Amino acid sequence: MGIFSPFRKKSFFTHEEEEKIVQAIRNAERMTSGEVRLYVESRCRFVDPVDRAAEVFYGLKMDQTDDRNGVLVYVAMKDHQLAIYGDEGIHKKVGGDFWRTEVEKMISDFNTTDYTQGIIHIVNDIGEALHKHFPYMKDEDKNELPDNIVFGN
């Protein structure tokens, strides 16, 4: 089984917390043609979590959206590592300062150990940025990627 196996789910969140996070992803995506995914694992296999986020991003084929506007929120719970990885379409619109600010917000929320709220907060912010630059188009938009949380090792 690979790193994306559904049979290796960890209990990082309660069922209610998972539902809240997935609902936040769905709400964010209702406003945009963009895609948001959350990948959670215990440990970051790389020194730099952005490198790991990039590996996961491409492994989940998030670079194959029509507008190149997928965003991955990556969290390694036990190593206290996180990153946000945006595809080239959205990155060209928001720039590196946006991602750095969002990571700082997530760290601030995580410092209070409210991981669920921190993730929801970031998903909402990403949804707003995607909406601004890639608004929902009723006749054209489709959900290109699943909304569920992906759990690694």
N, C-alpha and C. Protein backbone atom coordinates (compact mmCIF):
# COMPACT_ATOMS: atom_id res chain seq x y z
N MET A 1 0.84 -1.19 0.00
CA MET A 1 0.00 0.00 0.00
C MET A 1 0.88 1.24 0.00
N GLY A 2 0.48 2.25 -0.75
CA GLY A 2 1.23 3.49 -0.87
C GLY A 2 0.90 4.48 0.23
N ILE A 3 1.48 5.64 0.14
CA ILE A 3 1.27 6.67 1.15
C ILE A 3 -0.14 7.23 1.12
N PHE A 4 -0.89 6.95 0.07
CA PHE A 4 -2.24 7.49 -0.06
C PHE A 4 -3.29 6.45 0.26
N SER A 5 -2.93 5.41 0.96
CA SER A 5 -3.84 4.32 1.26
C SER A 5 -4.95 4.77 2.21
N PRO A 6 -6.21 4.49 1.88
CA PRO A 6 -7.29 4.85 2.78
C PRO A 6 -7.34 3.98 4.03
N PHE A 7 -6.57 2.90 4.07
CA PHE A 7 -6.61 1.98 5.19
C PHE A 7 -5.65 2.36 6.31
N ARG A 8 -4.93 3.46 6.16
CA ARG A 8 -3.96 3.87 7.16
C ARG A 8 -4.40 5.14 7.89
N LYS A 9 -5.66 5.35 7.98
CA LYS A 9 -6.20 6.56 8.59
C LYS A 9 -5.82 6.65 10.07
N LYS A 10 -5.31 7.79 10.46
CA LYS A 10 -4.96 8.04 11.86
C LYS A 10 -6.11 8.77 12.53
N SER A 11 -6.13 8.73 13.83
CA SER A 11 -7.18 9.41 14.58
C SER A 11 -6.67 10.76 15.09
N PHE A 12 -6.40 11.66 14.17
CA PHE A 12 -5.94 12.98 14.55
C PHE A 12 -7.11 13.87 14.93
N PHE A 13 -8.29 13.56 14.39
CA PHE A 13 -9.49 14.37 14.62
C PHE A 13 -10.65 13.46 15.02
N THR A 14 -11.56 14.04 15.77
CA THR A 14 -12.79 13.31 16.05
C THR A 14 -13.63 13.28 14.77
N HIS A 15 -14.64 12.46 14.76
CA HIS A 15 -15.54 12.39 13.60
C HIS A 15 -16.16 13.75 13.33
N GLU A 16 -16.58 14.44 14.39
CA GLU A 16 -17.19 15.77 14.23
C GLU A 16 -16.20 16.78 13.66
N GLU A 17 -14.96 16.72 14.13
CA GLU A 17 -13.94 17.64 13.61
C GLU A 17 -13.67 17.37 12.13
N GLU A 18 -13.59 16.10 11.76
CA GLU A 18 -13.40 15.76 10.35
C GLU A 18 -14.54 16.31 9.50
N GLU A 19 -15.75 16.15 9.98
CA GLU A 19 -16.92 16.65 9.25
C GLU A 19 -16.86 18.16 9.08
N LYS A 20 -16.45 18.87 10.13
CA LYS A 20 -16.34 20.32 10.05
C LYS A 20 -15.29 20.74 9.03
N ILE A 21 -14.18 20.04 9.00
CA ILE A 21 -13.12 20.37 8.05
C ILE A 21 -13.58 20.10 6.63
N VAL A 22 -14.16 18.95 6.38
CA VAL A 22 -14.64 18.62 5.04
C VAL A 22 -15.72 19.61 4.61
N GLN A 23 -16.58 20.00 5.52
CA GLN A 23 -17.61 20.98 5.18
C GLN A 23 -16.99 22.34 4.83
N ALA A 24 -15.94 22.71 5.54
CA ALA A 24 -15.24 23.97 5.23
C ALA A 24 -14.63 23.90 3.82
N ILE A 25 -14.06 22.76 3.47
CA ILE A 25 -13.51 22.59 2.12
C ILE A 25 -14.62 22.72 1.09
N ARG A 26 -15.73 22.06 1.32
CA ARG A 26 -16.87 22.14 0.38
C ARG A 26 -17.39 23.56 0.25
N ASN A 27 -17.50 24.26 1.38
CA ASN A 27 -17.98 25.65 1.34
C ASN A 27 -17.02 26.54 0.57
N ALA A 28 -15.72 26.35 0.79
CA ALA A 28 -14.72 27.15 0.08
C ALA A 28 -14.80 26.90 -1.42
N GLU A 29 -14.99 25.65 -1.80
CA GLU A 29 -15.01 25.30 -3.21
C GLU A 29 -16.31 25.71 -3.91
N ARG A 30 -17.37 25.94 -3.15
CA ARG A 30 -18.63 26.39 -3.76
C ARG A 30 -18.50 27.77 -4.39
N MET A 31 -17.53 28.55 -3.94
CA MET A 31 -17.36 29.92 -4.40
C MET A 31 -16.37 30.05 -5.55
N THR A 32 -15.75 28.93 -5.95
CA THR A 32 -14.61 29.02 -6.87
C THR A 32 -14.49 27.79 -7.75
N SER A 33 -13.74 27.94 -8.81
CA SER A 33 -13.38 26.78 -9.63
C SER A 33 -12.14 26.09 -9.05
N GLY A 34 -11.52 26.70 -8.04
CA GLY A 34 -10.32 26.14 -7.42
C GLY A 34 -10.62 24.92 -6.57
N GLU A 35 -9.56 24.22 -6.22
CA GLU A 35 -9.65 23.00 -5.42
C GLU A 35 -8.76 23.10 -4.20
N VAL A 36 -9.27 22.63 -3.06
CA VAL A 36 -8.52 22.63 -1.81
C VAL A 36 -8.50 21.20 -1.28
N ARG A 37 -7.32 20.76 -0.86
CA ARG A 37 -7.19 19.43 -0.24
C ARG A 37 -6.40 19.58 1.05
N LEU A 38 -6.67 18.67 1.98
CA LEU A 38 -5.93 18.60 3.24
C LEU A 38 -5.27 17.24 3.32
N TYR A 39 -3.96 17.25 3.57
CA TYR A 39 -3.21 16.01 3.76
C TYR A 39 -2.59 16.06 5.15
N VAL A 40 -2.87 15.02 5.95
CA VAL A 40 -2.39 14.97 7.33
C VAL A 40 -1.65 13.65 7.54
N GLU A 41 -0.47 13.75 8.15
CA GLU A 41 0.29 12.56 8.50
C GLU A 41 1.00 12.80 9.83
N SER A 42 1.59 11.76 10.37
CA SER A 42 2.27 11.88 11.65
C SER A 42 3.59 12.64 11.54
N ARG A 43 4.42 12.19 10.62
CA ARG A 43 5.77 12.71 10.53
C ARG A 43 6.08 13.22 9.13
N CYS A 44 6.88 14.28 9.08
CA CYS A 44 7.34 14.84 7.82
C CYS A 44 8.63 14.12 7.44
N ARG A 45 8.62 13.47 6.29
CA ARG A 45 9.78 12.68 5.88
C ARG A 45 10.91 13.55 5.35
N PHE A 46 10.69 14.82 5.19
CA PHE A 46 11.71 15.72 4.66
C PHE A 46 12.01 16.78 5.71
N VAL A 47 13.17 17.39 5.63
CA VAL A 47 13.53 18.47 6.53
C VAL A 47 12.60 19.66 6.28
N ASP A 48 12.33 19.95 5.04
CA ASP A 48 11.50 21.09 4.67
C ASP A 48 10.08 20.60 4.35
N PRO A 49 9.08 21.02 5.12
CA PRO A 49 7.72 20.56 4.86
C PRO A 49 7.16 21.01 3.51
N VAL A 50 7.72 22.08 2.95
CA VAL A 50 7.27 22.51 1.62
C VAL A 50 7.66 21.45 0.58
N ASP A 51 8.84 20.84 0.75
CA ASP A 51 9.25 19.77 -0.16
C ASP A 51 8.30 18.58 -0.05
N ARG A 52 7.92 18.25 1.17
CA ARG A 52 6.99 17.13 1.37
C ARG A 52 5.62 17.50 0.80
N ALA A 53 5.18 18.73 1.02
CA ALA A 53 3.89 19.16 0.48
C ALA A 53 3.89 19.07 -1.04
N ALA A 54 5.00 19.45 -1.67
CA ALA A 54 5.10 19.36 -3.13
C ALA A 54 5.00 17.91 -3.58
N GLU A 55 5.69 17.01 -2.89
CA GLU A 55 5.62 15.59 -3.24
C GLU A 55 4.18 15.09 -3.15
N VAL A 56 3.50 15.43 -2.08
CA VAL A 56 2.11 15.01 -1.89
C VAL A 56 1.22 15.65 -2.95
N PHE A 57 1.40 16.93 -3.20
CA PHE A 57 0.62 17.67 -4.19
C PHE A 57 0.64 16.96 -5.54
N TYR A 58 1.83 16.64 -6.01
CA TYR A 58 1.96 15.97 -7.31
C TYR A 58 1.50 14.52 -7.23
N GLY A 59 1.71 13.87 -6.09
CA GLY A 59 1.23 12.50 -5.92
C GLY A 59 -0.28 12.39 -5.98
N LEU A 60 -0.96 13.43 -5.50
CA LEU A 60 -2.43 13.47 -5.54
C LEU A 60 -2.95 14.01 -6.88
N LYS A 61 -2.02 14.30 -7.79
CA LYS A 61 -2.35 14.82 -9.12
C LYS A 61 -3.12 16.14 -9.07
N MET A 62 -2.77 16.95 -8.08
CA MET A 62 -3.44 18.24 -7.92
C MET A 62 -3.00 19.25 -8.97
N ASP A 63 -1.93 18.95 -9.68
CA ASP A 63 -1.46 19.83 -10.75
C ASP A 63 -2.24 19.63 -12.05
N GLN A 64 -3.23 18.76 -12.02
CA GLN A 64 -3.98 18.45 -13.24
C GLN A 64 -5.34 19.14 -13.30
N THR A 65 -5.56 20.15 -12.47
CA THR A 65 -6.81 20.90 -12.58
C THR A 65 -6.74 21.80 -13.81
N ASP A 66 -7.90 22.10 -14.37
CA ASP A 66 -7.95 22.87 -15.62
C ASP A 66 -7.24 24.21 -15.52
N ASP A 67 -7.44 24.93 -14.42
CA ASP A 67 -6.87 26.27 -14.27
C ASP A 67 -5.60 26.30 -13.42
N ARG A 68 -5.09 25.11 -13.06
CA ARG A 68 -3.89 25.01 -12.22
C ARG A 68 -4.08 25.82 -10.93
N ASN A 69 -5.25 25.62 -10.30
CA ASN A 69 -5.60 26.39 -9.12
C ASN A 69 -5.90 25.51 -7.90
N GLY A 70 -5.20 24.40 -7.81
CA GLY A 70 -5.33 23.55 -6.64
C GLY A 70 -4.42 24.03 -5.52
N VAL A 71 -4.89 23.85 -4.27
CA VAL A 71 -4.09 24.23 -3.10
C VAL A 71 -4.12 23.08 -2.10
N LEU A 72 -2.93 22.68 -1.66
CA LEU A 72 -2.80 21.63 -0.66
C LEU A 72 -2.40 22.24 0.68
N VAL A 73 -3.13 21.89 1.72
CA VAL A 73 -2.74 22.22 3.09
C VAL A 73 -2.13 20.95 3.65
N TYR A 74 -0.87 21.02 4.03
CA TYR A 74 -0.12 19.86 4.52
C TYR A 74 0.19 20.04 6.00
N VAL A 75 -0.08 18.98 6.80
CA VAL A 75 0.20 19.03 8.23
C VAL A 75 0.81 17.69 8.66
N ALA A 76 1.98 17.76 9.32
CA ALA A 76 2.60 16.60 9.97
C ALA A 76 2.42 16.82 11.47
N MET A 77 1.46 16.13 12.05
CA MET A 77 1.02 16.41 13.42
C MET A 77 2.13 16.20 14.47
N LYS A 78 2.76 15.06 14.49
CA LYS A 78 3.73 14.78 15.55
C LYS A 78 5.01 15.60 15.40
N ASP A 79 5.36 15.95 14.17
CA ASP A 79 6.56 16.75 13.95
C ASP A 79 6.29 18.25 14.00
N HIS A 80 5.04 18.62 14.16
CA HIS A 80 4.65 20.02 14.20
C HIS A 80 5.18 20.78 12.97
N GLN A 81 4.95 20.19 11.80
CA GLN A 81 5.36 20.78 10.54
C GLN A 81 4.11 21.05 9.71
N LEU A 82 4.14 22.12 8.93
CA LEU A 82 3.01 22.40 8.05
C LEU A 82 3.49 23.22 6.88
N ALA A 83 2.69 23.17 5.83
CA ALA A 83 2.98 23.95 4.63
C ALA A 83 1.69 24.10 3.83
N ILE A 84 1.66 25.11 3.01
CA ILE A 84 0.57 25.28 2.06
C ILE A 84 1.23 25.34 0.69
N TYR A 85 0.73 24.52 -0.23
CA TYR A 85 1.33 24.44 -1.56
C TYR A 85 0.27 24.75 -2.60
N GLY A 86 0.44 25.87 -3.30
CA GLY A 86 -0.51 26.28 -4.33
C GLY A 86 0.07 26.07 -5.71
N ASP A 87 -0.78 25.60 -6.62
CA ASP A 87 -0.35 25.38 -8.00
C ASP A 87 -0.04 26.72 -8.67
N GLU A 88 0.56 26.65 -9.85
CA GLU A 88 1.07 27.85 -10.50
C GLU A 88 -0.01 28.88 -10.83
N GLY A 89 -1.24 28.44 -11.15
CA GLY A 89 -2.29 29.39 -11.49
C GLY A 89 -2.64 30.31 -10.33
N ILE A 90 -2.85 29.74 -9.15
CA ILE A 90 -3.20 30.55 -7.98
C ILE A 90 -1.96 31.25 -7.44
N HIS A 91 -0.80 30.61 -7.50
CA HIS A 91 0.42 31.24 -6.98
C HIS A 91 0.74 32.53 -7.75
N LYS A 92 0.55 32.51 -9.05
CA LYS A 92 0.80 33.72 -9.85
C LYS A 92 -0.12 34.86 -9.44
N LYS A 93 -1.30 34.54 -8.94
CA LYS A 93 -2.27 35.57 -8.55
C LYS A 93 -2.01 36.12 -7.15
N VAL A 94 -1.64 35.25 -6.19
CA VAL A 94 -1.53 35.70 -4.80
C VAL A 94 -0.10 35.94 -4.34
N GLY A 95 0.88 35.26 -4.92
CA GLY A 95 2.28 35.45 -4.57
C GLY A 95 2.69 34.80 -3.26
N GLY A 96 3.98 34.78 -3.03
CA GLY A 96 4.55 34.12 -1.87
C GLY A 96 4.16 34.72 -0.54
N ASP A 97 3.95 36.04 -0.48
CA ASP A 97 3.57 36.67 0.79
C ASP A 97 2.24 36.14 1.31
N PHE A 98 1.31 35.85 0.41
CA PHE A 98 0.01 35.30 0.83
C PHE A 98 0.20 33.97 1.55
N TRP A 99 1.01 33.08 0.96
CA TRP A 99 1.22 31.76 1.56
C TRP A 99 1.93 31.88 2.91
N ARG A 100 2.94 32.76 2.98
CA ARG A 100 3.65 32.95 4.25
C ARG A 100 2.72 33.47 5.34
N THR A 101 1.85 34.41 4.99
CA THR A 101 0.90 34.95 5.97
C THR A 101 -0.06 33.87 6.44
N GLU A 102 -0.52 33.06 5.52
CA GLU A 102 -1.46 31.99 5.89
C GLU A 102 -0.80 30.95 6.79
N VAL A 103 0.45 30.61 6.52
CA VAL A 103 1.18 29.68 7.38
C VAL A 103 1.33 30.28 8.77
N GLU A 104 1.65 31.56 8.86
CA GLU A 104 1.77 32.22 10.17
C GLU A 104 0.46 32.17 10.93
N LYS A 105 -0.65 32.39 10.24
CA LYS A 105 -1.97 32.30 10.89
C LYS A 105 -2.23 30.89 11.41
N MET A 106 -1.87 29.91 10.60
CA MET A 106 -2.09 28.53 11.00
C MET A 106 -1.24 28.18 12.21
N ILE A 107 0.00 28.63 12.23
CA ILE A 107 0.87 28.39 13.38
C ILE A 107 0.28 29.03 14.62
N SER A 108 -0.23 30.24 14.49
CA SER A 108 -0.85 30.93 15.63
C SER A 108 -2.03 30.14 16.17
N ASP A 109 -2.89 29.67 15.27
CA ASP A 109 -4.03 28.85 15.70
C ASP A 109 -3.56 27.54 16.32
N PHE A 110 -2.55 26.92 15.73
CA PHE A 110 -2.06 25.64 16.24
C PHE A 110 -1.40 25.80 17.61
N ASN A 111 -0.82 26.97 17.88
CA ASN A 111 -0.19 27.19 19.18
C ASN A 111 -1.19 27.15 20.32
N THR A 112 -2.46 27.33 20.00
CA THR A 112 -3.50 27.18 21.03
C THR A 112 -4.04 25.75 21.03
N THR A 113 -3.41 24.87 20.26
CA THR A 113 -3.78 23.47 20.06
C THR A 113 -5.18 23.29 19.49
N ASP A 114 -5.69 24.30 18.83
CA ASP A 114 -6.98 24.17 18.16
C ASP A 114 -6.72 23.90 16.68
N TYR A 115 -6.29 22.68 16.40
CA TYR A 115 -5.91 22.31 15.04
C TYR A 115 -7.09 22.40 14.08
N THR A 116 -8.23 21.93 14.51
CA THR A 116 -9.40 21.94 13.63
C THR A 116 -9.76 23.36 13.22
N GLN A 117 -9.84 24.25 14.17
CA GLN A 117 -10.20 25.63 13.86
C GLN A 117 -9.12 26.31 13.02
N GLY A 118 -7.87 25.99 13.28
CA GLY A 118 -6.79 26.54 12.48
C GLY A 118 -6.88 26.11 11.03
N ILE A 119 -7.19 24.85 10.80
CA ILE A 119 -7.34 24.34 9.44
C ILE A 119 -8.55 24.98 8.77
N ILE A 120 -9.66 25.06 9.48
CA ILE A 120 -10.87 25.68 8.92
C ILE A 120 -10.60 27.14 8.56
N HIS A 121 -9.93 27.84 9.44
CA HIS A 121 -9.60 29.24 9.20
C HIS A 121 -8.80 29.39 7.90
N ILE A 122 -7.78 28.56 7.72
CA ILE A 122 -6.95 28.63 6.53
C ILE A 122 -7.72 28.22 5.29
N VAL A 123 -8.53 27.19 5.39
CA VAL A 123 -9.35 26.77 4.24
C VAL A 123 -10.27 27.91 3.81
N ASN A 124 -10.85 28.60 4.78
CA ASN A 124 -11.72 29.74 4.45
C ASN A 124 -10.94 30.85 3.74
N ASP A 125 -9.75 31.17 4.24
CA ASP A 125 -8.92 32.20 3.61
C ASP A 125 -8.52 31.80 2.19
N ILE A 126 -8.14 30.56 2.02
CA ILE A 126 -7.76 30.07 0.69
C ILE A 126 -8.98 30.13 -0.23
N GLY A 127 -10.14 29.74 0.28
CA GLY A 127 -11.37 29.81 -0.51
C GLY A 127 -11.67 31.22 -0.98
N GLU A 128 -11.46 32.20 -0.11
CA GLU A 128 -11.70 33.60 -0.50
C GLU A 128 -10.73 34.04 -1.59
N ALA A 129 -9.45 33.67 -1.46
CA ALA A 129 -8.46 34.03 -2.48
C ALA A 129 -8.79 33.35 -3.81
N LEU A 130 -9.17 32.09 -3.76
CA LEU A 130 -9.55 31.38 -4.98
C LEU A 130 -10.78 32.02 -5.60
N HIS A 131 -11.74 32.39 -4.77
CA HIS A 131 -12.96 33.03 -5.28
C HIS A 131 -12.64 34.34 -6.00
N LYS A 132 -11.75 35.11 -5.41
CA LYS A 132 -11.38 36.40 -6.00
C LYS A 132 -10.75 36.22 -7.39
N HIS A 133 -9.89 35.23 -7.53
CA HIS A 133 -9.13 35.06 -8.76
C HIS A 133 -9.70 34.00 -9.71
N PHE A 134 -10.48 33.08 -9.17
CA PHE A 134 -11.08 32.01 -9.96
C PHE A 134 -12.53 31.82 -9.51
N PRO A 135 -13.40 32.78 -9.79
CA PRO A 135 -14.78 32.68 -9.31
C PRO A 135 -15.52 31.48 -9.90
N TYR A 136 -16.50 31.04 -9.17
CA TYR A 136 -17.34 29.91 -9.59
C TYR A 136 -18.09 30.27 -10.86
N MET A 137 -18.06 29.39 -11.82
CA MET A 137 -18.76 29.57 -13.09
C MET A 137 -19.80 28.44 -13.19
N LYS A 138 -21.05 28.79 -13.01
CA LYS A 138 -22.13 27.80 -12.91
C LYS A 138 -22.11 26.75 -14.02
N ASP A 139 -21.96 27.19 -15.25
CA ASP A 139 -22.05 26.26 -16.37
C ASP A 139 -20.75 25.50 -16.64
N GLU A 140 -19.66 25.95 -16.07
CA GLU A 140 -18.37 25.35 -16.39
C GLU A 140 -17.72 24.61 -15.23
N ASP A 141 -18.03 24.99 -14.00
CA ASP A 141 -17.30 24.45 -12.86
C ASP A 141 -17.72 23.03 -12.53
N LYS A 142 -16.72 22.23 -12.17
CA LYS A 142 -16.96 20.88 -11.67
C LYS A 142 -15.96 20.62 -10.55
N ASN A 143 -16.33 19.75 -9.65
CA ASN A 143 -15.44 19.40 -8.56
C ASN A 143 -14.41 18.42 -9.13
N GLU A 144 -13.19 18.90 -9.35
CA GLU A 144 -12.16 18.11 -10.01
C GLU A 144 -11.44 17.14 -9.08
N LEU A 145 -11.46 17.42 -7.78
CA LEU A 145 -10.76 16.58 -6.81
C LEU A 145 -11.66 16.29 -5.62
N PRO A 146 -11.48 15.15 -4.95
CA PRO A 146 -12.29 14.83 -3.78
C PRO A 146 -12.07 15.85 -2.67
N ASP A 147 -13.08 16.01 -1.80
CA ASP A 147 -13.02 16.96 -0.70
C ASP A 147 -12.57 16.33 0.62
N ASN A 148 -12.46 15.02 0.65
CA ASN A 148 -12.12 14.34 1.89
C ASN A 148 -10.70 14.66 2.36
N ILE A 149 -10.45 14.46 3.65
CA ILE A 149 -9.11 14.59 4.20
C ILE A 149 -8.32 13.37 3.77
N VAL A 150 -7.08 13.58 3.35
CA VAL A 150 -6.22 12.46 2.99
C VAL A 150 -5.25 12.25 4.15
N PHE A 151 -5.21 11.02 4.66
CA PHE A 151 -4.34 10.69 5.78
C PHE A 151 -3.17 9.86 5.29
N GLY A 152 -1.96 10.26 5.67
CA GLY A 152 -0.77 9.51 5.34
C GLY A 152 -0.37 8.65 6.54
N ASN A 153 0.89 8.30 6.58
CA ASN A 153 1.40 7.45 7.67
C ASN A 153 1.60 8.22 8.95
